[in-house]
Protein backbone atom coordinates (compact mmCIF):
# COMPACT_ATOMS: atom_id res chain seq x y z
CA MET A 1 185.20 12.24 -3.13
CA LYS A 2 183.98 13.73 0.16
CA THR A 3 181.06 15.35 -1.67
CA VAL A 4 180.15 12.05 -3.33
CA ARG A 5 180.43 10.21 -0.02
CA ARG A 6 178.24 12.78 1.70
CA LEU A 7 175.65 12.61 -1.08
CA ILE A 8 175.36 8.81 -1.05
CA PHE A 9 175.53 8.47 2.75
CA ARG A 10 172.86 11.11 3.28
CA ALA A 11 170.50 9.59 0.72
CA VAL A 12 170.83 6.02 2.02
CA ALA A 13 170.74 6.99 5.70
CA TRP A 14 167.67 9.23 5.24
CA HIS A 15 165.66 6.57 3.41
CA ALA A 16 166.75 3.88 5.90
CA LEU A 17 165.65 6.11 8.78
CA LEU A 18 162.23 6.66 7.21
CA VAL A 19 161.78 2.92 6.66
CA ALA A 20 162.88 2.17 10.25
CA LEU A 21 160.42 4.76 11.61
CA ALA A 22 157.60 3.27 9.54
CA PHE A 23 158.27 -0.30 10.68
CA GLY A 24 158.92 0.83 14.27
CA SER A 25 155.64 2.76 14.41
CA LEU A 26 153.75 -0.26 13.14
CA ALA A 27 155.42 -2.53 15.71
CA PHE A 28 154.73 0.00 18.49
CA PHE A 29 151.05 0.15 17.54
CA ILE A 30 150.71 -3.64 17.50
CA ASP A 31 152.49 -3.95 20.87
CA PHE A 32 150.32 -1.24 22.44
CA VAL A 33 147.11 -2.91 21.24
CA GLU A 34 148.30 -6.17 22.79
CA GLU A 35 149.37 -4.51 26.06
CA SER A 36 146.10 -2.57 26.31
CA GLN A 37 144.31 -5.84 27.09
CA ASP A 38 145.99 -5.81 30.53
CA LEU A 39 145.08 -2.23 31.42
CA GLY A 40 143.53 -1.97 34.88
CA LYS A 41 144.90 -5.31 36.06
CA ASN A 42 147.11 -5.12 39.18
CA GLY A 43 147.44 -1.35 38.77
CA TYR A 44 148.67 -1.55 35.16
CA THR A 45 148.13 1.93 33.65
CA VAL A 46 148.48 3.50 30.20
CA VAL A 47 151.85 4.96 31.22
CA ASP A 48 153.08 1.49 32.18
CA ALA A 49 151.87 0.10 28.86
CA LEU A 50 153.68 2.87 26.96
CA LEU A 51 156.86 2.19 28.94
CA THR A 52 156.59 -1.53 28.15
CA CYS A 53 156.15 -0.80 24.44
CA LEU A 54 159.14 1.57 24.46
CA LEU A 55 161.30 -1.14 26.03
CA MET A 56 160.14 -3.59 23.37
CA GLN A 57 161.09 -1.07 20.68
CA VAL A 58 164.79 -1.58 21.46
CA ARG A 59 164.56 -5.19 20.33
CA HIS A 60 162.48 -4.20 17.30
CA VAL A 61 165.07 -1.62 16.23
CA TYR A 62 167.81 -4.24 16.52
CA ASP A 63 165.84 -6.70 14.40
CA LEU A 64 164.68 -4.12 11.83
CA MET A 65 167.91 -2.21 11.20
CA PRO A 66 169.35 -4.53 8.51
CA ILE A 67 166.08 -4.77 6.56
CA ALA A 68 165.58 -0.99 6.93
CA LEU A 69 169.10 -0.47 5.59
CA LEU A 70 168.32 -2.74 2.64
CA ILE A 71 165.02 -1.08 1.71
CA GLY A 72 166.43 2.39 2.30
CA GLY A 73 169.49 1.58 0.20
CA ILE A 74 167.38 0.18 -2.64
CA LEU A 75 165.05 3.20 -2.65
CA ALA A 76 167.91 5.71 -2.47
CA LEU A 77 170.12 4.09 -5.11
CA ALA A 78 167.22 3.29 -7.44
CA ARG A 79 166.08 6.92 -7.23
CA MET A 80 169.61 8.10 -8.05
CA ALA A 81 169.59 5.75 -11.03
CA GLN A 82 166.19 7.04 -12.22
CA THR A 83 167.28 10.68 -12.01
CA SER A 84 170.62 9.84 -13.69
CA GLU A 85 172.54 11.12 -10.64
CA PHE A 86 174.45 7.89 -10.33
CA THR A 87 175.21 7.93 -14.07
CA ILE A 88 176.72 11.39 -13.67
CA LEU A 89 178.79 10.17 -10.73
CA ARG A 90 180.06 7.26 -12.81
CA THR A 91 180.96 9.66 -15.63
CA GLY A 92 182.80 11.81 -13.09
CA GLY A 93 185.06 8.93 -12.11
CA LEU A 94 183.10 6.86 -9.58
CA SER A 95 184.25 3.37 -10.44
CA PRO A 96 182.39 0.24 -9.25
CA VAL A 97 185.23 -0.51 -6.81
CA ARG A 98 184.97 2.97 -5.29
CA ALA A 99 181.19 2.70 -5.06
CA LEU A 100 181.57 -0.63 -3.31
CA ARG A 101 184.08 0.86 -0.87
CA LEU A 102 181.79 3.81 -0.10
CA LEU A 103 178.84 1.60 0.69
CA ALA A 104 181.07 -0.85 2.59
CA ALA A 105 182.07 2.04 4.87
CA LEU A 106 178.39 2.82 5.42
CA GLY A 107 177.78 -0.86 6.16
CA LEU A 108 180.65 -0.82 8.66
CA MET A 109 179.12 2.11 10.55
CA ALA A 110 175.74 0.37 10.57
CA ALA A 111 177.38 -2.85 11.78
CA VAL A 112 179.04 -1.05 14.70
CA LEU A 113 175.69 0.53 15.63
CA VAL A 114 173.89 -2.84 15.43
CA ALA A 115 176.58 -4.51 17.56
CA ALA A 116 176.31 -1.77 20.20
CA ILE A 117 172.52 -2.06 20.34
CA GLY A 118 172.56 -5.86 20.45
CA ASN A 119 175.25 -6.21 23.11
CA TRP A 120 174.37 -3.28 25.35
CA LEU A 121 170.90 -1.81 24.86
CA VAL A 122 168.96 -5.02 24.13
CA PRO A 123 170.12 -6.91 27.29
CA MET A 124 169.40 -3.83 29.43
CA ALA A 125 165.95 -3.39 27.90
CA GLU A 126 165.10 -7.10 28.23
CA GLN A 127 166.08 -7.15 31.91
CA ARG A 128 164.03 -4.04 32.58
CA LEU A 129 161.13 -5.54 30.62
CA THR A 130 161.32 -8.71 32.73
CA GLN A 131 161.14 -6.63 35.90
CA GLN A 132 158.27 -4.61 34.45
CA ARG A 133 156.22 -7.71 33.68
CA ALA A 134 157.02 -9.32 37.03
CA GLU A 135 155.96 -6.16 38.87
CA PHE A 136 152.48 -6.21 37.41
CA SER A 137 151.94 -9.98 37.36
CA THR A 138 149.53 -11.60 39.78
CA GLN A 139 152.28 -13.12 41.93
CA GLN A 140 154.67 -10.17 41.57
CA GLN A 141 157.04 -12.40 39.61
CA MET A 142 157.44 -13.81 36.13
CA THR A 143 156.97 -17.57 35.94
CA LEU A 144 159.30 -19.53 33.67
CA GLY A 145 156.86 -22.13 32.43
CA ARG A 146 155.63 -25.24 34.17
CA ALA A 147 159.08 -26.80 34.57
CA GLY A 148 161.02 -23.58 35.13
CA THR A 149 164.66 -23.45 34.12
CA TRP A 150 167.29 -26.00 35.14
CA LEU A 151 170.94 -25.45 36.02
CA ARG A 152 173.70 -27.88 36.91
CA GLU A 153 177.09 -27.76 38.53
CA ARG A 154 179.68 -30.31 39.64
CA ARG A 155 181.43 -30.05 42.97
CA GLU A 156 184.43 -32.02 44.17
CA VAL A 157 183.97 -33.32 47.73
CA PRO A 158 187.30 -34.36 49.34
CA GLY A 159 187.44 -38.08 50.03
CA VAL A 160 183.99 -38.69 48.55
CA GLY A 161 184.12 -37.86 44.87
CA THR A 162 182.23 -35.59 42.50
CA HIS A 163 178.77 -34.47 43.57
CA THR A 164 176.30 -33.28 40.94
CA ILE A 165 174.01 -30.42 41.93
CA THR A 166 170.88 -29.62 39.95
CA VAL A 167 169.04 -26.35 40.54
CA ASN A 168 165.52 -25.54 39.40
CA VAL A 169 164.40 -21.89 39.22
CA GLY A 170 160.66 -21.45 38.87
CA SER A 171 160.29 -17.67 38.47
CA ALA A 172 162.13 -14.37 38.16
CA ILE A 173 161.24 -11.64 40.65
CA ARG A 174 163.74 -8.89 39.83
CA GLU A 175 167.37 -8.56 38.79
CA GLY A 176 169.42 -11.06 40.78
CA GLU A 177 166.39 -12.38 42.69
CA PHE A 178 164.49 -15.54 41.80
CA GLY A 179 161.60 -17.53 43.22
CA GLN A 180 160.48 -21.16 43.68
CA ILE A 181 163.97 -22.57 44.17
CA ARG A 182 164.69 -26.28 44.35
CA ILE A 183 168.24 -27.63 44.78
CA PHE A 184 169.07 -31.34 44.47
CA GLU A 185 172.47 -32.79 45.39
CA PHE A 186 173.50 -36.24 44.14
CA ASP A 187 176.59 -38.15 45.20
CA ALA A 188 179.11 -39.87 42.91
CA THR A 189 176.85 -42.95 42.60
CA GLY A 190 173.82 -40.88 41.56
CA GLN A 191 171.95 -41.20 44.87
CA LEU A 192 170.07 -38.18 46.19
CA LYS A 193 171.80 -36.86 49.30
CA ARG A 194 170.22 -33.46 49.91
CA ARG A 195 167.32 -31.32 48.78
CA LEU A 196 166.81 -27.61 49.44
CA THR A 197 163.54 -25.85 48.69
CA ALA A 198 163.15 -22.11 49.16
CA ARG A 199 160.52 -19.51 48.44
CA SER A 200 163.08 -17.12 46.93
CA ALA A 201 166.81 -16.60 46.53
CA ARG A 202 168.99 -13.56 46.12
CA VAL A 203 172.10 -14.45 44.10
CA GLU A 204 175.15 -12.36 44.93
CA ALA A 205 178.55 -12.72 43.25
CA THR A 206 181.49 -13.27 45.57
CA GLY A 207 184.12 -12.40 42.94
CA THR A 208 187.16 -14.43 42.18
CA ALA A 209 189.25 -16.06 44.82
CA GLY A 210 192.70 -14.81 45.64
CA ALA A 211 194.56 -17.46 43.67
CA ALA A 212 195.08 -16.83 40.01
CA GLY A 213 192.79 -18.85 37.77
CA ALA A 214 190.25 -19.47 40.52
CA GLU A 215 186.66 -19.74 39.40
CA GLU A 216 184.13 -17.08 40.15
CA GLY A 217 181.47 -18.07 42.68
CA SER A 218 178.32 -16.74 44.29
CA VAL A 219 176.23 -16.94 47.42
CA TRP A 220 172.54 -17.80 47.23
CA ARG A 221 170.70 -16.14 50.10
CA LEU A 222 167.71 -18.43 50.46
CA SER A 223 164.54 -17.52 52.37
CA ASP A 224 161.85 -19.82 53.82
CA VAL A 225 164.09 -22.87 53.43
CA VAL A 226 163.34 -26.56 53.91
CA ASP A 227 166.58 -28.56 54.13
CA THR A 228 166.13 -32.31 53.62
CA ARG A 229 169.09 -34.69 53.97
CA TRP A 230 169.20 -38.42 53.28
CA LEU A 231 171.51 -40.21 55.73
CA SER A 232 174.31 -42.33 54.36
CA HIS A 233 173.13 -45.82 53.42
CA GLU A 234 176.43 -47.27 54.63
CA ARG A 235 175.58 -46.27 58.21
CA LEU A 236 172.15 -47.88 58.13
CA THR A 237 171.37 -51.52 58.56
CA ARG A 238 168.12 -53.31 58.00
CA ASP A 239 167.63 -53.86 61.75
CA ALA A 240 168.28 -50.17 62.50
CA ALA A 241 165.74 -49.10 59.88
CA LEU A 242 163.14 -51.45 61.31
CA ALA A 243 163.90 -50.15 64.79
CA GLY A 244 162.76 -46.67 63.76
CA VAL A 245 166.10 -44.96 63.12
CA LYS A 246 165.60 -41.81 61.04
CA VAL A 247 166.82 -42.09 57.44
CA ILE A 248 165.73 -38.53 56.55
CA ASP A 249 166.69 -35.41 58.43
CA GLU A 250 164.46 -32.42 57.60
CA ARG A 251 164.95 -28.94 58.97
CA GLN A 252 163.34 -25.58 58.33
CA ALA A 253 164.97 -22.16 58.45
CA ALA A 254 163.88 -18.61 57.77
CA SER A 255 167.06 -17.95 55.81
CA MET A 256 170.19 -19.77 54.70
CA ASP A 257 173.30 -19.03 52.66
CA TRP A 258 174.27 -21.58 50.02
CA SER A 259 177.59 -21.24 48.18
CA SER A 260 177.69 -22.14 44.51
CA SER A 261 179.64 -21.64 41.31
CA LEU A 262 176.40 -20.55 39.60
CA THR A 263 176.93 -16.81 39.28
CA PRO A 264 174.18 -14.20 38.79
CA LEU A 265 175.22 -13.94 35.15
CA VAL A 266 174.71 -17.67 34.58
CA VAL A 267 171.33 -17.70 36.35
CA SER A 268 170.11 -14.62 34.48
CA ALA A 269 171.27 -16.18 31.20
CA SER A 270 169.18 -19.27 31.88
CA VAL A 271 166.11 -17.12 32.60
CA LEU A 272 166.36 -14.73 29.64
CA PRO A 273 165.82 -15.93 26.06
CA PRO A 274 169.10 -16.46 24.15
CA GLU A 275 168.14 -13.81 21.60
CA SER A 276 168.29 -11.08 24.26
CA MET A 277 171.77 -11.98 25.58
CA SER A 278 175.02 -10.29 24.65
CA VAL A 279 177.82 -12.12 22.86
CA LEU A 280 179.92 -12.19 26.04
CA ALA A 281 177.03 -13.55 28.13
CA LEU A 282 176.35 -16.26 25.53
CA TRP A 283 180.01 -17.25 25.46
CA ARG A 284 180.18 -17.54 29.24
CA TYR A 285 176.94 -19.48 29.41
CA THR A 286 177.97 -21.95 26.70
CA ARG A 287 181.22 -22.56 28.61
CA HIS A 288 179.20 -23.26 31.75
CA LEU A 289 176.94 -25.70 29.88
CA ASP A 290 179.88 -27.50 28.30
CA SER A 291 181.71 -27.86 31.61
CA ASN A 292 178.62 -29.43 33.19
CA ALA A 293 177.82 -31.79 30.29
CA GLN A 294 174.63 -29.97 29.29
CA ALA A 295 173.31 -29.41 25.78
CA ALA A 296 174.73 -26.11 24.54
CA GLN A 297 174.08 -26.24 20.80
CA ARG A 298 171.15 -23.81 20.95
CA TYR A 299 173.25 -21.20 22.74
CA GLU A 300 176.31 -21.88 20.58
CA ILE A 301 174.26 -21.24 17.44
CA GLN A 302 172.88 -18.07 18.99
CA PHE A 303 176.42 -17.02 19.96
CA TRP A 304 177.67 -17.31 16.39
CA LYS A 305 174.48 -15.81 15.01
CA LYS A 306 174.83 -12.83 17.35
CA GLY A 307 178.46 -12.45 16.35
CA PHE A 308 177.70 -12.58 12.63
CA TYR A 309 174.56 -10.44 12.82
CA PRO A 310 176.32 -7.05 12.43
CA LEU A 311 177.85 -8.41 9.22
CA VAL A 312 174.30 -8.71 7.87
CA CYS A 313 174.51 -4.95 7.28
CA PHE A 314 177.23 -5.61 4.69
CA VAL A 315 174.99 -8.19 3.01
CA MET A 316 172.08 -5.72 2.91
CA ILE A 317 174.27 -2.99 1.39
CA ALA A 318 175.64 -5.47 -1.13
CA LEU A 319 172.09 -6.44 -2.12
CA ALA A 320 171.15 -2.78 -2.58
CA LEU A 321 174.21 -1.73 -4.62
CA PRO A 322 173.22 -3.40 -7.95
CA PHE A 323 170.10 -1.20 -8.10
CA ALA A 324 172.31 1.82 -8.72
CA TYR A 325 173.40 0.24 -12.02
CA LEU A 326 169.91 -0.50 -13.36
CA HIS A 327 168.69 1.47 -16.37
CA ALA A 328 165.42 3.24 -15.65
CA ARG A 329 164.65 3.57 -19.37
CA SER A 330 164.37 -0.21 -19.73
CA GLY A 331 161.17 -0.07 -17.66
CA GLY A 332 159.88 -2.23 -14.85
CA MET A 333 161.82 -0.29 -12.22
CA SER A 334 159.09 -0.59 -9.60
CA LEU A 335 158.90 -4.34 -10.12
CA LYS A 336 162.67 -4.63 -9.79
CA ILE A 337 162.62 -2.65 -6.55
CA PHE A 338 159.83 -4.88 -5.23
CA GLY A 339 161.85 -7.96 -6.18
CA GLY A 340 164.88 -6.62 -4.34
CA ILE A 341 162.84 -5.99 -1.21
CA MET A 342 161.40 -9.51 -1.39
CA LEU A 343 164.92 -10.86 -1.79
CA GLY A 344 165.97 -9.09 1.39
CA ILE A 345 162.93 -10.35 3.29
CA SER A 346 163.70 -13.88 2.11
CA PHE A 347 167.19 -13.46 3.55
CA VAL A 348 165.75 -12.49 6.95
CA LEU A 349 163.46 -15.54 6.91
CA ILE A 350 166.23 -17.93 5.91
CA ASN A 351 168.53 -16.40 8.52
CA HIS A 352 165.96 -17.20 11.21
CA ILE A 353 165.21 -20.68 9.86
CA SER A 354 168.87 -21.69 9.56
CA SER A 355 169.36 -21.78 13.34
CA HIS A 356 166.43 -24.19 13.74
CA LEU A 357 167.69 -26.33 10.86
CA GLY A 358 171.11 -26.36 12.46
CA GLN A 359 169.68 -27.75 15.67
CA LEU A 360 167.60 -30.39 13.87
CA GLN A 361 170.38 -31.50 11.50
CA ASN A 362 173.16 -31.12 14.11
CA TRP A 363 175.16 -28.71 11.95
CA GLN A 364 178.26 -26.93 13.17
CA PRO A 365 177.03 -23.81 15.06
CA TRP A 366 179.22 -21.38 13.07
CA LEU A 367 178.04 -22.90 9.78
CA ALA A 368 174.34 -22.62 10.70
CA ALA A 369 174.86 -18.96 11.63
CA ALA A 370 177.08 -17.89 8.71
CA ALA A 371 175.63 -19.88 5.79
CA PRO A 372 172.76 -17.47 4.87
CA SER A 373 175.03 -14.40 5.00
CA LEU A 374 177.73 -16.03 2.86
CA LEU A 375 175.17 -17.32 0.34
CA TYR A 376 173.41 -13.98 -0.15
CA LEU A 377 176.68 -12.04 -0.18
CA LEU A 378 177.93 -14.28 -2.99
CA MET A 379 174.62 -13.83 -4.80
CA SER A 380 174.70 -10.02 -4.52
CA MET A 381 178.34 -9.78 -5.62
CA SER A 382 177.60 -11.98 -8.63
CA MET A 383 174.64 -9.78 -9.57
CA PHE A 384 176.75 -6.65 -9.09
CA ALA A 385 179.56 -8.00 -11.29
CA TRP A 386 177.08 -8.97 -14.03
CA LEU A 387 175.40 -5.56 -14.02
CA VAL A 388 178.72 -3.70 -14.14
CA ARG A 389 179.88 -5.83 -17.07
CA TYR A 390 176.73 -5.98 -19.21
CA GLN A 391 174.60 -2.97 -18.23
């Protein structure tokens, strides 16, 4: 059995590696052509462009591994069927259940590798890529669109009630440092009480408090700050306002520390696209959004999709397994292989579309993430059972 396992693993892994290298090379070439348009701008050199493309390759490898495993598995198993190798293995005692177990073990190893890349290498590469792009941008920072990204937290003020604080981050400078900061504080009645604007902010985690169960916090070290406060309306009368009493107190400071429950992890999660976040970061960020009454469905779907994504390797292996039981003498082998590859590509497309459909139709996040995998796994197992019984 060890010899059979080694034979099948080597064939599938070798073909999957070749397919991954082919797709990766094509993606690298396309990325380099796109990055070459910025050569010479703000000191952007060929070496910087190559480094940027290499960082982008990490994400490409993560996205391409399941489809490479499918195409490699189809090519390897179909070739073994054409050369009658798999027929000899079946004659030697390789039952369909054993073949399924062998390939399931290969799918498990691929799933572990995909999970490691997605939860460790991809976030690291995306953060480094963000810094790389900010370094060579015109303003030495990466803007986050016209509106930036918005964060919210609730803070209990003794004797006053719950204050709602909304934070707007306009750009990302480097890891843990952000630019174009605006902080708005509203009282329990929804009236604006304070506004802080700063050129940049360095977010530093303060760790957990001494008491068990205390929430983690952070300190925002603001620079070039304008602190605007609206005086309490209860202390102002109409006559006092007409007499010229100040209702707004505005002060400027070179630096200021502002305590918050918005940790560096939460801020970074709001800046980075959900697809580049780890499962743990997505879980923490969805908890933060839920606790502050913000829409979290997009990140919940991405959380479940990220969690189920390594299982896609099992689906790809299951789709490839029936090709080992096809008879090459019946003809049309190339067309069948092409059909299998198209079936796998259709799975990738549906897997991407399902998350958008889930948001539009307000599906359960776990259902939107798991439905394509369960559907295609059922389809492949049905095809496998039919081929084993009638072929």
